[in-house]
Amino acid sequence: QAGQQSIDFAYDVVFNYWPAIFAVI
């Protein structure tokens, strides 16, 4: 259960914060 929730969390981080990630880059 922790693995599936962590996968969802990781995707949420990338998709929700991609503008910030690309801004830092």
PDBML (XML) file of the C-alpha atoms, coordinates in Angstrom:
<?xml version="1.0" encoding="UTF-8" ?>
<PDBx:datablock datablockName="MODEL"
   xmlns:PDBx="http://pdbml.pdb.org/schema/pdbx-v50.xsd"
   xmlns:xsi="http://www.w3.org/2001/XMLSchema-instance"
   xsi:schemaLocation="http://pdbml.pdb.org/schema/pdbx-v50.xsd pdbx-v50.xsd">
   <PDBx:atom_siteCategory>
      <PDBx:atom_site id="1">
         <PDBx:B_iso_or_equiv>0.00</PDBx:B_iso_or_equiv>
         <PDBx:Cartn_x>0.000</PDBx:Cartn_x>
         <PDBx:Cartn_y>0.000</PDBx:Cartn_y>
         <PDBx:Cartn_z>0.000</PDBx:Cartn_z>
         <PDBx:auth_asym_id>A</PDBx:auth_asym_id>
         <PDBx:auth_atom_id>CA</PDBx:auth_atom_id>
         <PDBx:auth_comp_id>GLN</PDBx:auth_comp_id>
         <PDBx:auth_seq_id>1</PDBx:auth_seq_id>
         <PDBx:group_PDB>ATOM</PDBx:group_PDB>
         <PDBx:label_alt_id xsi:nil="true" />
         <PDBx:label_asym_id>A</PDBx:label_asym_id>
         <PDBx:label_atom_id>CA</PDBx:label_atom_id>
         <PDBx:label_comp_id>GLN</PDBx:label_comp_id>
         <PDBx:label_entity_id>1</PDBx:label_entity_id>
         <PDBx:label_seq_id>1</PDBx:label_seq_id>
         <PDBx:occupancy>1.00</PDBx:occupancy>
         <PDBx:pdbx_PDB_model_num>1</PDBx:pdbx_PDB_model_num>
         <PDBx:type_symbol>C</PDBx:type_symbol>
      </PDBx:atom_site>
      <PDBx:atom_site id="2">
         <PDBx:B_iso_or_equiv>0.00</PDBx:B_iso_or_equiv>
         <PDBx:Cartn_x>2.834</PDBx:Cartn_x>
         <PDBx:Cartn_y>2.378</PDBx:Cartn_y>
         <PDBx:Cartn_z>0.853</PDBx:Cartn_z>
         <PDBx:auth_asym_id>A</PDBx:auth_asym_id>
         <PDBx:auth_atom_id>CA</PDBx:auth_atom_id>
         <PDBx:auth_comp_id>ALA</PDBx:auth_comp_id>
         <PDBx:auth_seq_id>2</PDBx:auth_seq_id>
         <PDBx:group_PDB>ATOM</PDBx:group_PDB>
         <PDBx:label_alt_id xsi:nil="true" />
         <PDBx:label_asym_id>A</PDBx:label_asym_id>
         <PDBx:label_atom_id>CA</PDBx:label_atom_id>
         <PDBx:label_comp_id>ALA</PDBx:label_comp_id>
         <PDBx:label_entity_id>1</PDBx:label_entity_id>
         <PDBx:label_seq_id>2</PDBx:label_seq_id>
         <PDBx:occupancy>1.00</PDBx:occupancy>
         <PDBx:pdbx_PDB_model_num>1</PDBx:pdbx_PDB_model_num>
         <PDBx:type_symbol>C</PDBx:type_symbol>
      </PDBx:atom_site>
      <PDBx:atom_site id="3">
         <PDBx:B_iso_or_equiv>0.00</PDBx:B_iso_or_equiv>
         <PDBx:Cartn_x>4.466</PDBx:Cartn_x>
         <PDBx:Cartn_y>1.663</PDBx:Cartn_y>
         <PDBx:Cartn_z>-2.510</PDBx:Cartn_z>
         <PDBx:auth_asym_id>A</PDBx:auth_asym_id>
         <PDBx:auth_atom_id>CA</PDBx:auth_atom_id>
         <PDBx:auth_comp_id>GLY</PDBx:auth_comp_id>
         <PDBx:auth_seq_id>3</PDBx:auth_seq_id>
         <PDBx:group_PDB>ATOM</PDBx:group_PDB>
         <PDBx:label_alt_id xsi:nil="true" />
         <PDBx:label_asym_id>A</PDBx:label_asym_id>
         <PDBx:label_atom_id>CA</PDBx:label_atom_id>
         <PDBx:label_comp_id>GLY</PDBx:label_comp_id>
         <PDBx:label_entity_id>1</PDBx:label_entity_id>
         <PDBx:label_seq_id>3</PDBx:label_seq_id>
         <PDBx:occupancy>1.00</PDBx:occupancy>
         <PDBx:pdbx_PDB_model_num>1</PDBx:pdbx_PDB_model_num>
         <PDBx:type_symbol>C</PDBx:type_symbol>
      </PDBx:atom_site>
      <PDBx:atom_site id="4">
         <PDBx:B_iso_or_equiv>0.00</PDBx:B_iso_or_equiv>
         <PDBx:Cartn_x>1.338</PDBx:Cartn_x>
         <PDBx:Cartn_y>2.502</PDBx:Cartn_y>
         <PDBx:Cartn_z>-4.512</PDBx:Cartn_z>
         <PDBx:auth_asym_id>A</PDBx:auth_asym_id>
         <PDBx:auth_atom_id>CA</PDBx:auth_atom_id>
         <PDBx:auth_comp_id>GLN</PDBx:auth_comp_id>
         <PDBx:auth_seq_id>4</PDBx:auth_seq_id>
         <PDBx:group_PDB>ATOM</PDBx:group_PDB>
         <PDBx:label_alt_id xsi:nil="true" />
         <PDBx:label_asym_id>A</PDBx:label_asym_id>
         <PDBx:label_atom_id>CA</PDBx:label_atom_id>
         <PDBx:label_comp_id>GLN</PDBx:label_comp_id>
         <PDBx:label_entity_id>1</PDBx:label_entity_id>
         <PDBx:label_seq_id>4</PDBx:label_seq_id>
         <PDBx:occupancy>1.00</PDBx:occupancy>
         <PDBx:pdbx_PDB_model_num>1</PDBx:pdbx_PDB_model_num>
         <PDBx:type_symbol>C</PDBx:type_symbol>
      </PDBx:atom_site>
      <PDBx:atom_site id="5">
         <PDBx:B_iso_or_equiv>0.00</PDBx:B_iso_or_equiv>
         <PDBx:Cartn_x>0.693</PDBx:Cartn_x>
         <PDBx:Cartn_y>5.654</PDBx:Cartn_y>
         <PDBx:Cartn_z>-2.496</PDBx:Cartn_z>
         <PDBx:auth_asym_id>A</PDBx:auth_asym_id>
         <PDBx:auth_atom_id>CA</PDBx:auth_atom_id>
         <PDBx:auth_comp_id>GLN</PDBx:auth_comp_id>
         <PDBx:auth_seq_id>5</PDBx:auth_seq_id>
         <PDBx:group_PDB>ATOM</PDBx:group_PDB>
         <PDBx:label_alt_id xsi:nil="true" />
         <PDBx:label_asym_id>A</PDBx:label_asym_id>
         <PDBx:label_atom_id>CA</PDBx:label_atom_id>
         <PDBx:label_comp_id>GLN</PDBx:label_comp_id>
         <PDBx:label_entity_id>1</PDBx:label_entity_id>
         <PDBx:label_seq_id>5</PDBx:label_seq_id>
         <PDBx:occupancy>1.00</PDBx:occupancy>
         <PDBx:pdbx_PDB_model_num>1</PDBx:pdbx_PDB_model_num>
         <PDBx:type_symbol>C</PDBx:type_symbol>
      </PDBx:atom_site>
      <PDBx:atom_site id="6">
         <PDBx:B_iso_or_equiv>0.00</PDBx:B_iso_or_equiv>
         <PDBx:Cartn_x>4.327</PDBx:Cartn_x>
         <PDBx:Cartn_y>6.695</PDBx:Cartn_y>
         <PDBx:Cartn_z>-2.931</PDBx:Cartn_z>
         <PDBx:auth_asym_id>A</PDBx:auth_asym_id>
         <PDBx:auth_atom_id>CA</PDBx:auth_atom_id>
         <PDBx:auth_comp_id>SER</PDBx:auth_comp_id>
         <PDBx:auth_seq_id>6</PDBx:auth_seq_id>
         <PDBx:group_PDB>ATOM</PDBx:group_PDB>
         <PDBx:label_alt_id xsi:nil="true" />
         <PDBx:label_asym_id>A</PDBx:label_asym_id>
         <PDBx:label_atom_id>CA</PDBx:label_atom_id>
         <PDBx:label_comp_id>SER</PDBx:label_comp_id>
         <PDBx:label_entity_id>1</PDBx:label_entity_id>
         <PDBx:label_seq_id>6</PDBx:label_seq_id>
         <PDBx:occupancy>1.00</PDBx:occupancy>
         <PDBx:pdbx_PDB_model_num>1</PDBx:pdbx_PDB_model_num>
         <PDBx:type_symbol>C</PDBx:type_symbol>
      </PDBx:atom_site>
      <PDBx:atom_site id="7">
         <PDBx:B_iso_or_equiv>0.00</PDBx:B_iso_or_equiv>
         <PDBx:Cartn_x>4.130</PDBx:Cartn_x>
         <PDBx:Cartn_y>6.208</PDBx:Cartn_y>
         <PDBx:Cartn_z>-6.688</PDBx:Cartn_z>
         <PDBx:auth_asym_id>A</PDBx:auth_asym_id>
         <PDBx:auth_atom_id>CA</PDBx:auth_atom_id>
         <PDBx:auth_comp_id>ILE</PDBx:auth_comp_id>
         <PDBx:auth_seq_id>7</PDBx:auth_seq_id>
         <PDBx:group_PDB>ATOM</PDBx:group_PDB>
         <PDBx:label_alt_id xsi:nil="true" />
         <PDBx:label_asym_id>A</PDBx:label_asym_id>
         <PDBx:label_atom_id>CA</PDBx:label_atom_id>
         <PDBx:label_comp_id>ILE</PDBx:label_comp_id>
         <PDBx:label_entity_id>1</PDBx:label_entity_id>
         <PDBx:label_seq_id>7</PDBx:label_seq_id>
         <PDBx:occupancy>1.00</PDBx:occupancy>
         <PDBx:pdbx_PDB_model_num>1</PDBx:pdbx_PDB_model_num>
         <PDBx:type_symbol>C</PDBx:type_symbol>
      </PDBx:atom_site>
      <PDBx:atom_site id="8">
         <PDBx:B_iso_or_equiv>0.00</PDBx:B_iso_or_equiv>
         <PDBx:Cartn_x>1.027</PDBx:Cartn_x>
         <PDBx:Cartn_y>8.404</PDBx:Cartn_y>
         <PDBx:Cartn_z>-6.809</PDBx:Cartn_z>
         <PDBx:auth_asym_id>A</PDBx:auth_asym_id>
         <PDBx:auth_atom_id>CA</PDBx:auth_atom_id>
         <PDBx:auth_comp_id>ASP</PDBx:auth_comp_id>
         <PDBx:auth_seq_id>8</PDBx:auth_seq_id>
         <PDBx:group_PDB>ATOM</PDBx:group_PDB>
         <PDBx:label_alt_id xsi:nil="true" />
         <PDBx:label_asym_id>A</PDBx:label_asym_id>
         <PDBx:label_atom_id>CA</PDBx:label_atom_id>
         <PDBx:label_comp_id>ASP</PDBx:label_comp_id>
         <PDBx:label_entity_id>1</PDBx:label_entity_id>
         <PDBx:label_seq_id>8</PDBx:label_seq_id>
         <PDBx:occupancy>1.00</PDBx:occupancy>
         <PDBx:pdbx_PDB_model_num>1</PDBx:pdbx_PDB_model_num>
         <PDBx:type_symbol>C</PDBx:type_symbol>
      </PDBx:atom_site>
      <PDBx:atom_site id="9">
         <PDBx:B_iso_or_equiv>0.00</PDBx:B_iso_or_equiv>
         <PDBx:Cartn_x>2.739</PDBx:Cartn_x>
         <PDBx:Cartn_y>10.992</PDBx:Cartn_y>
         <PDBx:Cartn_z>-4.614</PDBx:Cartn_z>
         <PDBx:auth_asym_id>A</PDBx:auth_asym_id>
         <PDBx:auth_atom_id>CA</PDBx:auth_atom_id>
         <PDBx:auth_comp_id>PHE</PDBx:auth_comp_id>
         <PDBx:auth_seq_id>9</PDBx:auth_seq_id>
         <PDBx:group_PDB>ATOM</PDBx:group_PDB>
         <PDBx:label_alt_id xsi:nil="true" />
         <PDBx:label_asym_id>A</PDBx:label_asym_id>
         <PDBx:label_atom_id>CA</PDBx:label_atom_id>
         <PDBx:label_comp_id>PHE</PDBx:label_comp_id>
         <PDBx:label_entity_id>1</PDBx:label_entity_id>
         <PDBx:label_seq_id>9</PDBx:label_seq_id>
         <PDBx:occupancy>1.00</PDBx:occupancy>
         <PDBx:pdbx_PDB_model_num>1</PDBx:pdbx_PDB_model_num>
         <PDBx:type_symbol>C</PDBx:type_symbol>
      </PDBx:atom_site>
      <PDBx:atom_site id="10">
         <PDBx:B_iso_or_equiv>0.00</PDBx:B_iso_or_equiv>
         <PDBx:Cartn_x>5.864</PDBx:Cartn_x>
         <PDBx:Cartn_y>11.067</PDBx:Cartn_y>
         <PDBx:Cartn_z>-6.837</PDBx:Cartn_z>
         <PDBx:auth_asym_id>A</PDBx:auth_asym_id>
         <PDBx:auth_atom_id>CA</PDBx:auth_atom_id>
         <PDBx:auth_comp_id>ALA</PDBx:auth_comp_id>
         <PDBx:auth_seq_id>10</PDBx:auth_seq_id>
         <PDBx:group_PDB>ATOM</PDBx:group_PDB>
         <PDBx:label_alt_id xsi:nil="true" />
         <PDBx:label_asym_id>A</PDBx:label_asym_id>
         <PDBx:label_atom_id>CA</PDBx:label_atom_id>
         <PDBx:label_comp_id>ALA</PDBx:label_comp_id>
         <PDBx:label_entity_id>1</PDBx:label_entity_id>
         <PDBx:label_seq_id>10</PDBx:label_seq_id>
         <PDBx:occupancy>1.00</PDBx:occupancy>
         <PDBx:pdbx_PDB_model_num>1</PDBx:pdbx_PDB_model_num>
         <PDBx:type_symbol>C</PDBx:type_symbol>
      </PDBx:atom_site>
      <PDBx:atom_site id="11">
         <PDBx:B_iso_or_equiv>0.00</PDBx:B_iso_or_equiv>
         <PDBx:Cartn_x>3.736</PDBx:Cartn_x>
         <PDBx:Cartn_y>11.609</PDBx:Cartn_y>
         <PDBx:Cartn_z>-9.951</PDBx:Cartn_z>
         <PDBx:auth_asym_id>A</PDBx:auth_asym_id>
         <PDBx:auth_atom_id>CA</PDBx:auth_atom_id>
         <PDBx:auth_comp_id>TYR</PDBx:auth_comp_id>
         <PDBx:auth_seq_id>11</PDBx:auth_seq_id>
         <PDBx:group_PDB>ATOM</PDBx:group_PDB>
         <PDBx:label_alt_id xsi:nil="true" />
         <PDBx:label_asym_id>A</PDBx:label_asym_id>
         <PDBx:label_atom_id>CA</PDBx:label_atom_id>
         <PDBx:label_comp_id>TYR</PDBx:label_comp_id>
         <PDBx:label_entity_id>1</PDBx:label_entity_id>
         <PDBx:label_seq_id>11</PDBx:label_seq_id>
         <PDBx:occupancy>1.00</PDBx:occupancy>
         <PDBx:pdbx_PDB_model_num>1</PDBx:pdbx_PDB_model_num>
         <PDBx:type_symbol>C</PDBx:type_symbol>
      </PDBx:atom_site>
      <PDBx:atom_site id="12">
         <PDBx:B_iso_or_equiv>0.00</PDBx:B_iso_or_equiv>
         <PDBx:Cartn_x>1.804</PDBx:Cartn_x>
         <PDBx:Cartn_y>14.365</PDBx:Cartn_y>
         <PDBx:Cartn_z>-8.170</PDBx:Cartn_z>
         <PDBx:auth_asym_id>A</PDBx:auth_asym_id>
         <PDBx:auth_atom_id>CA</PDBx:auth_atom_id>
         <PDBx:auth_comp_id>ASP</PDBx:auth_comp_id>
         <PDBx:auth_seq_id>12</PDBx:auth_seq_id>
         <PDBx:group_PDB>ATOM</PDBx:group_PDB>
         <PDBx:label_alt_id xsi:nil="true" />
         <PDBx:label_asym_id>A</PDBx:label_asym_id>
         <PDBx:label_atom_id>CA</PDBx:label_atom_id>
         <PDBx:label_comp_id>ASP</PDBx:label_comp_id>
         <PDBx:label_entity_id>1</PDBx:label_entity_id>
         <PDBx:label_seq_id>12</PDBx:label_seq_id>
         <PDBx:occupancy>1.00</PDBx:occupancy>
         <PDBx:pdbx_PDB_model_num>1</PDBx:pdbx_PDB_model_num>
         <PDBx:type_symbol>C</PDBx:type_symbol>
      </PDBx:atom_site>
      <PDBx:atom_site id="13">
         <PDBx:B_iso_or_equiv>0.00</PDBx:B_iso_or_equiv>
         <PDBx:Cartn_x>5.043</PDBx:Cartn_x>
         <PDBx:Cartn_y>16.134</PDBx:Cartn_y>
         <PDBx:Cartn_z>-7.259</PDBx:Cartn_z>
         <PDBx:auth_asym_id>A</PDBx:auth_asym_id>
         <PDBx:auth_atom_id>CA</PDBx:auth_atom_id>
         <PDBx:auth_comp_id>VAL</PDBx:auth_comp_id>
         <PDBx:auth_seq_id>13</PDBx:auth_seq_id>
         <PDBx:group_PDB>ATOM</PDBx:group_PDB>
         <PDBx:label_alt_id xsi:nil="true" />
         <PDBx:label_asym_id>A</PDBx:label_asym_id>
         <PDBx:label_atom_id>CA</PDBx:label_atom_id>
         <PDBx:label_comp_id>VAL</PDBx:label_comp_id>
         <PDBx:label_entity_id>1</PDBx:label_entity_id>
         <PDBx:label_seq_id>13</PDBx:label_seq_id>
         <PDBx:occupancy>1.00</PDBx:occupancy>
         <PDBx:pdbx_PDB_model_num>1</PDBx:pdbx_PDB_model_num>
         <PDBx:type_symbol>C</PDBx:type_symbol>
      </PDBx:atom_site>
      <PDBx:atom_site id="14">
         <PDBx:B_iso_or_equiv>0.00</PDBx:B_iso_or_equiv>
         <PDBx:Cartn_x>6.335</PDBx:Cartn_x>
         <PDBx:Cartn_y>16.064</PDBx:Cartn_y>
         <PDBx:Cartn_z>-10.827</PDBx:Cartn_z>
         <PDBx:auth_asym_id>A</PDBx:auth_asym_id>
         <PDBx:auth_atom_id>CA</PDBx:auth_atom_id>
         <PDBx:auth_comp_id>VAL</PDBx:auth_comp_id>
         <PDBx:auth_seq_id>14</PDBx:auth_seq_id>
         <PDBx:group_PDB>ATOM</PDBx:group_PDB>
         <PDBx:label_alt_id xsi:nil="true" />
         <PDBx:label_asym_id>A</PDBx:label_asym_id>
         <PDBx:label_atom_id>CA</PDBx:label_atom_id>
         <PDBx:label_comp_id>VAL</PDBx:label_comp_id>
         <PDBx:label_entity_id>1</PDBx:label_entity_id>
         <PDBx:label_seq_id>14</PDBx:label_seq_id>
         <PDBx:occupancy>1.00</PDBx:occupancy>
         <PDBx:pdbx_PDB_model_num>1</PDBx:pdbx_PDB_model_num>
         <PDBx:type_symbol>C</PDBx:type_symbol>
      </PDBx:atom_site>
      <PDBx:atom_site id="15">
         <PDBx:B_iso_or_equiv>0.00</PDBx:B_iso_or_equiv>
         <PDBx:Cartn_x>3.031</PDBx:Cartn_x>
         <PDBx:Cartn_y>17.027</PDBx:Cartn_y>
         <PDBx:Cartn_z>-12.506</PDBx:Cartn_z>
         <PDBx:auth_asym_id>A</PDBx:auth_asym_id>
         <PDBx:auth_atom_id>CA</PDBx:auth_atom_id>
         <PDBx:auth_comp_id>PHE</PDBx:auth_comp_id>
         <PDBx:auth_seq_id>15</PDBx:auth_seq_id>
         <PDBx:group_PDB>ATOM</PDBx:group_PDB>
         <PDBx:label_alt_id xsi:nil="true" />
         <PDBx:label_asym_id>A</PDBx:label_asym_id>
         <PDBx:label_atom_id>CA</PDBx:label_atom_id>
         <PDBx:label_comp_id>PHE</PDBx:label_comp_id>
         <PDBx:label_entity_id>1</PDBx:label_entity_id>
         <PDBx:label_seq_id>15</PDBx:label_seq_id>
         <PDBx:occupancy>1.00</PDBx:occupancy>
         <PDBx:pdbx_PDB_model_num>1</PDBx:pdbx_PDB_model_num>
         <PDBx:type_symbol>C</PDBx:type_symbol>
      </PDBx:atom_site>
      <PDBx:atom_site id="16">
         <PDBx:B_iso_or_equiv>0.00</PDBx:B_iso_or_equiv>
         <PDBx:Cartn_x>2.037</PDBx:Cartn_x>
         <PDBx:Cartn_y>19.670</PDBx:Cartn_y>
         <PDBx:Cartn_z>-9.962</PDBx:Cartn_z>
         <PDBx:auth_asym_id>A</PDBx:auth_asym_id>
         <PDBx:auth_atom_id>CA</PDBx:auth_atom_id>
         <PDBx:auth_comp_id>ASN</PDBx:auth_comp_id>
         <PDBx:auth_seq_id>16</PDBx:auth_seq_id>
         <PDBx:group_PDB>ATOM</PDBx:group_PDB>
         <PDBx:label_alt_id xsi:nil="true" />
         <PDBx:label_asym_id>A</PDBx:label_asym_id>
         <PDBx:label_atom_id>CA</PDBx:label_atom_id>
         <PDBx:label_comp_id>ASN</PDBx:label_comp_id>
         <PDBx:label_entity_id>1</PDBx:label_entity_id>
         <PDBx:label_seq_id>16</PDBx:label_seq_id>
         <PDBx:occupancy>1.00</PDBx:occupancy>
         <PDBx:pdbx_PDB_model_num>1</PDBx:pdbx_PDB_model_num>
         <PDBx:type_symbol>C</PDBx:type_symbol>
      </PDBx:atom_site>
      <PDBx:atom_site id="17">
         <PDBx:B_iso_or_equiv>0.00</PDBx:B_iso_or_equiv>
         <PDBx:Cartn_x>5.435</PDBx:Cartn_x>
         <PDBx:Cartn_y>21.257</PDBx:Cartn_y>
         <PDBx:Cartn_z>-9.499</PDBx:Cartn_z>
         <PDBx:auth_asym_id>A</PDBx:auth_asym_id>
         <PDBx:auth_atom_id>CA</PDBx:auth_atom_id>
         <PDBx:auth_comp_id>TYR</PDBx:auth_comp_id>
         <PDBx:auth_seq_id>17</PDBx:auth_seq_id>
         <PDBx:group_PDB>ATOM</PDBx:group_PDB>
         <PDBx:label_alt_id xsi:nil="true" />
         <PDBx:label_asym_id>A</PDBx:label_asym_id>
         <PDBx:label_atom_id>CA</PDBx:label_atom_id>
         <PDBx:label_comp_id>TYR</PDBx:label_comp_id>
         <PDBx:label_entity_id>1</PDBx:label_entity_id>
         <PDBx:label_seq_id>17</PDBx:label_seq_id>
         <PDBx:occupancy>1.00</PDBx:occupancy>
         <PDBx:pdbx_PDB_model_num>1</PDBx:pdbx_PDB_model_num>
         <PDBx:type_symbol>C</PDBx:type_symbol>
      </PDBx:atom_site>
      <PDBx:atom_site id="18">
         <PDBx:B_iso_or_equiv>0.00</PDBx:B_iso_or_equiv>
         <PDBx:Cartn_x>6.950</PDBx:Cartn_x>
         <PDBx:Cartn_y>20.878</PDBx:Cartn_y>
         <PDBx:Cartn_z>-12.984</PDBx:Cartn_z>
         <PDBx:auth_asym_id>A</PDBx:auth_asym_id>
         <PDBx:auth_atom_id>CA</PDBx:auth_atom_id>
         <PDBx:auth_comp_id>TRP</PDBx:auth_comp_id>
         <PDBx:auth_seq_id>18</PDBx:auth_seq_id>
         <PDBx:group_PDB>ATOM</PDBx:group_PDB>
         <PDBx:label_alt_id xsi:nil="true" />
         <PDBx:label_asym_id>A</PDBx:label_asym_id>
         <PDBx:label_atom_id>CA</PDBx:label_atom_id>
         <PDBx:label_comp_id>TRP</PDBx:label_comp_id>
         <PDBx:label_entity_id>1</PDBx:label_entity_id>
         <PDBx:label_seq_id>18</PDBx:label_seq_id>
         <PDBx:occupancy>1.00</PDBx:occupancy>
         <PDBx:pdbx_PDB_model_num>1</PDBx:pdbx_PDB_model_num>
         <PDBx:type_symbol>C</PDBx:type_symbol>
      </PDBx:atom_site>
      <PDBx:atom_site id="19">
         <PDBx:B_iso_or_equiv>0.00</PDBx:B_iso_or_equiv>
         <PDBx:Cartn_x>6.865</PDBx:Cartn_x>
         <PDBx:Cartn_y>24.700</PDBx:Cartn_y>
         <PDBx:Cartn_z>-13.520</PDBx:Cartn_z>
         <PDBx:auth_asym_id>A</PDBx:auth_asym_id>
         <PDBx:auth_atom_id>CA</PDBx:auth_atom_id>
         <PDBx:auth_comp_id>PRO</PDBx:auth_comp_id>
         <PDBx:auth_seq_id>19</PDBx:auth_seq_id>
         <PDBx:group_PDB>ATOM</PDBx:group_PDB>
         <PDBx:label_alt_id xsi:nil="true" />
         <PDBx:label_asym_id>A</PDBx:label_asym_id>
         <PDBx:label_atom_id>CA</PDBx:label_atom_id>
         <PDBx:label_comp_id>PRO</PDBx:label_comp_id>
         <PDBx:label_entity_id>1</PDBx:label_entity_id>
         <PDBx:label_seq_id>19</PDBx:label_seq_id>
         <PDBx:occupancy>1.00</PDBx:occupancy>
         <PDBx:pdbx_PDB_model_num>1</PDBx:pdbx_PDB_model_num>
         <PDBx:type_symbol>C</PDBx:type_symbol>
      </PDBx:atom_site>
      <PDBx:atom_site id="20">
         <PDBx:B_iso_or_equiv>0.00</PDBx:B_iso_or_equiv>
         <PDBx:Cartn_x>9.006</PDBx:Cartn_x>
         <PDBx:Cartn_y>25.124</PDBx:Cartn_y>
         <PDBx:Cartn_z>-10.399</PDBx:Cartn_z>
         <PDBx:auth_asym_id>A</PDBx:auth_asym_id>
         <PDBx:auth_atom_id>CA</PDBx:auth_atom_id>
         <PDBx:auth_comp_id>ALA</PDBx:auth_comp_id>
         <PDBx:auth_seq_id>20</PDBx:auth_seq_id>
         <PDBx:group_PDB>ATOM</PDBx:group_PDB>
         <PDBx:label_alt_id xsi:nil="true" />
         <PDBx:label_asym_id>A</PDBx:label_asym_id>
         <PDBx:label_atom_id>CA</PDBx:label_atom_id>
         <PDBx:label_comp_id>ALA</PDBx:label_comp_id>
         <PDBx:label_entity_id>1</PDBx:label_entity_id>
         <PDBx:label_seq_id>20</PDBx:label_seq_id>
         <PDBx:occupancy>1.00</PDBx:occupancy>
         <PDBx:pdbx_PDB_model_num>1</PDBx:pdbx_PDB_model_num>
         <PDBx:type_symbol>C</PDBx:type_symbol>
      </PDBx:atom_site>
      <PDBx:atom_site id="21">
         <PDBx:B_iso_or_equiv>0.00</PDBx:B_iso_or_equiv>
         <PDBx:Cartn_x>11.342</PDBx:Cartn_x>
         <PDBx:Cartn_y>22.307</PDBx:Cartn_y>
         <PDBx:Cartn_z>-11.500</PDBx:Cartn_z>
         <PDBx:auth_asym_id>A</PDBx:auth_asym_id>
         <PDBx:auth_atom_id>CA</PDBx:auth_atom_id>
         <PDBx:auth_comp_id>ILE</PDBx:auth_comp_id>
         <PDBx:auth_seq_id>21</PDBx:auth_seq_id>
         <PDBx:group_PDB>ATOM</PDBx:group_PDB>
         <PDBx:label_alt_id xsi:nil="true" />
         <PDBx:label_asym_id>A</PDBx:label_asym_id>
         <PDBx:label_atom_id>CA</PDBx:label_atom_id>
         <PDBx:label_comp_id>ILE</PDBx:label_comp_id>
         <PDBx:label_entity_id>1</PDBx:label_entity_id>
         <PDBx:label_seq_id>21</PDBx:label_seq_id>
         <PDBx:occupancy>1.00</PDBx:occupancy>
         <PDBx:pdbx_PDB_model_num>1</PDBx:pdbx_PDB_model_num>
         <PDBx:type_symbol>C</PDBx:type_symbol>
      </PDBx:atom_site>
      <PDBx:atom_site id="22">
         <PDBx:B_iso_or_equiv>0.00</PDBx:B_iso_or_equiv>
         <PDBx:Cartn_x>11.789</PDBx:Cartn_x>
         <PDBx:Cartn_y>23.833</PDBx:Cartn_y>
         <PDBx:Cartn_z>-14.954</PDBx:Cartn_z>
         <PDBx:auth_asym_id>A</PDBx:auth_asym_id>
         <PDBx:auth_atom_id>CA</PDBx:auth_atom_id>
         <PDBx:auth_comp_id>PHE</PDBx:auth_comp_id>
         <PDBx:auth_seq_id>22</PDBx:auth_seq_id>
         <PDBx:group_PDB>ATOM</PDBx:group_PDB>
         <PDBx:label_alt_id xsi:nil="true" />
         <PDBx:label_asym_id>A</PDBx:label_asym_id>
         <PDBx:label_atom_id>CA</PDBx:label_atom_id>
         <PDBx:label_comp_id>PHE</PDBx:label_comp_id>
         <PDBx:label_entity_id>1</PDBx:label_entity_id>
         <PDBx:label_seq_id>22</PDBx:label_seq_id>
         <PDBx:occupancy>1.00</PDBx:occupancy>
         <PDBx:pdbx_PDB_model_num>1</PDBx:pdbx_PDB_model_num>
         <PDBx:type_symbol>C</PDBx:type_symbol>
      </PDBx:atom_site>
      <PDBx:atom_site id="23">
         <PDBx:B_iso_or_equiv>0.00</PDBx:B_iso_or_equiv>
         <PDBx:Cartn_x>12.193</PDBx:Cartn_x>
         <PDBx:Cartn_y>27.301</PDBx:Cartn_y>
         <PDBx:Cartn_z>-13.403</PDBx:Cartn_z>
         <PDBx:auth_asym_id>A</PDBx:auth_asym_id>
         <PDBx:auth_atom_id>CA</PDBx:auth_atom_id>
         <PDBx:auth_comp_id>ALA</PDBx:auth_comp_id>
         <PDBx:auth_seq_id>23</PDBx:auth_seq_id>
         <PDBx:group_PDB>ATOM</PDBx:group_PDB>
         <PDBx:label_alt_id xsi:nil="true" />
         <PDBx:label_asym_id>A</PDBx:label_asym_id>
         <PDBx:label_atom_id>CA</PDBx:label_atom_id>
         <PDBx:label_comp_id>ALA</PDBx:label_comp_id>
         <PDBx:label_entity_id>1</PDBx:label_entity_id>
         <PDBx:label_seq_id>23</PDBx:label_seq_id>
         <PDBx:occupancy>1.00</PDBx:occupancy>
         <PDBx:pdbx_PDB_model_num>1</PDBx:pdbx_PDB_model_num>
         <PDBx:type_symbol>C</PDBx:type_symbol>
      </PDBx:atom_site>
      <PDBx:atom_site id="24">
         <PDBx:B_iso_or_equiv>0.00</PDBx:B_iso_or_equiv>
         <PDBx:Cartn_x>15.074</PDBx:Cartn_x>
         <PDBx:Cartn_y>26.049</PDBx:Cartn_y>
         <PDBx:Cartn_z>-11.250</PDBx:Cartn_z>
         <PDBx:auth_asym_id>A</PDBx:auth_asym_id>
         <PDBx:auth_atom_id>CA</PDBx:auth_atom_id>
         <PDBx:auth_comp_id>VAL</PDBx:auth_comp_id>
         <PDBx:auth_seq_id>24</PDBx:auth_seq_id>
         <PDBx:group_PDB>ATOM</PDBx:group_PDB>
         <PDBx:label_alt_id xsi:nil="true" />
         <PDBx:label_asym_id>A</PDBx:label_asym_id>
         <PDBx:label_atom_id>CA</PDBx:label_atom_id>
         <PDBx:label_comp_id>VAL</PDBx:label_comp_id>
         <PDBx:label_entity_id>1</PDBx:label_entity_id>
         <PDBx:label_seq_id>24</PDBx:label_seq_id>
         <PDBx:occupancy>1.00</PDBx:occupancy>
         <PDBx:pdbx_PDB_model_num>1</PDBx:pdbx_PDB_model_num>
         <PDBx:type_symbol>C</PDBx:type_symbol>
      </PDBx:atom_site>
      <PDBx:atom_site id="25">
         <PDBx:B_iso_or_equiv>0.00</PDBx:B_iso_or_equiv>
         <PDBx:Cartn_x>16.640</PDBx:Cartn_x>
         <PDBx:Cartn_y>24.413</PDBx:Cartn_y>
         <PDBx:Cartn_z>-14.329</PDBx:Cartn_z>
         <PDBx:auth_asym_id>A</PDBx:auth_asym_id>
         <PDBx:auth_atom_id>CA</PDBx:auth_atom_id>
         <PDBx:auth_comp_id>ILE</PDBx:auth_comp_id>
         <PDBx:auth_seq_id>25</PDBx:auth_seq_id>
         <PDBx:group_PDB>ATOM</PDBx:group_PDB>
         <PDBx:label_alt_id xsi:nil="true" />
         <PDBx:label_asym_id>A</PDBx:label_asym_id>
         <PDBx:label_atom_id>CA</PDBx:label_atom_id>
         <PDBx:label_comp_id>ILE</PDBx:label_comp_id>
         <PDBx:label_entity_id>1</PDBx:label_entity_id>
         <PDBx:label_seq_id>25</PDBx:label_seq_id>
         <PDBx:occupancy>1.00</PDBx:occupancy>
         <PDBx:pdbx_PDB_model_num>1</PDBx:pdbx_PDB_model_num>
         <PDBx:type_symbol>C</PDBx:type_symbol>
      </PDBx:atom_site>
   </PDBx:atom_siteCategory>
</PDBx:datablock>
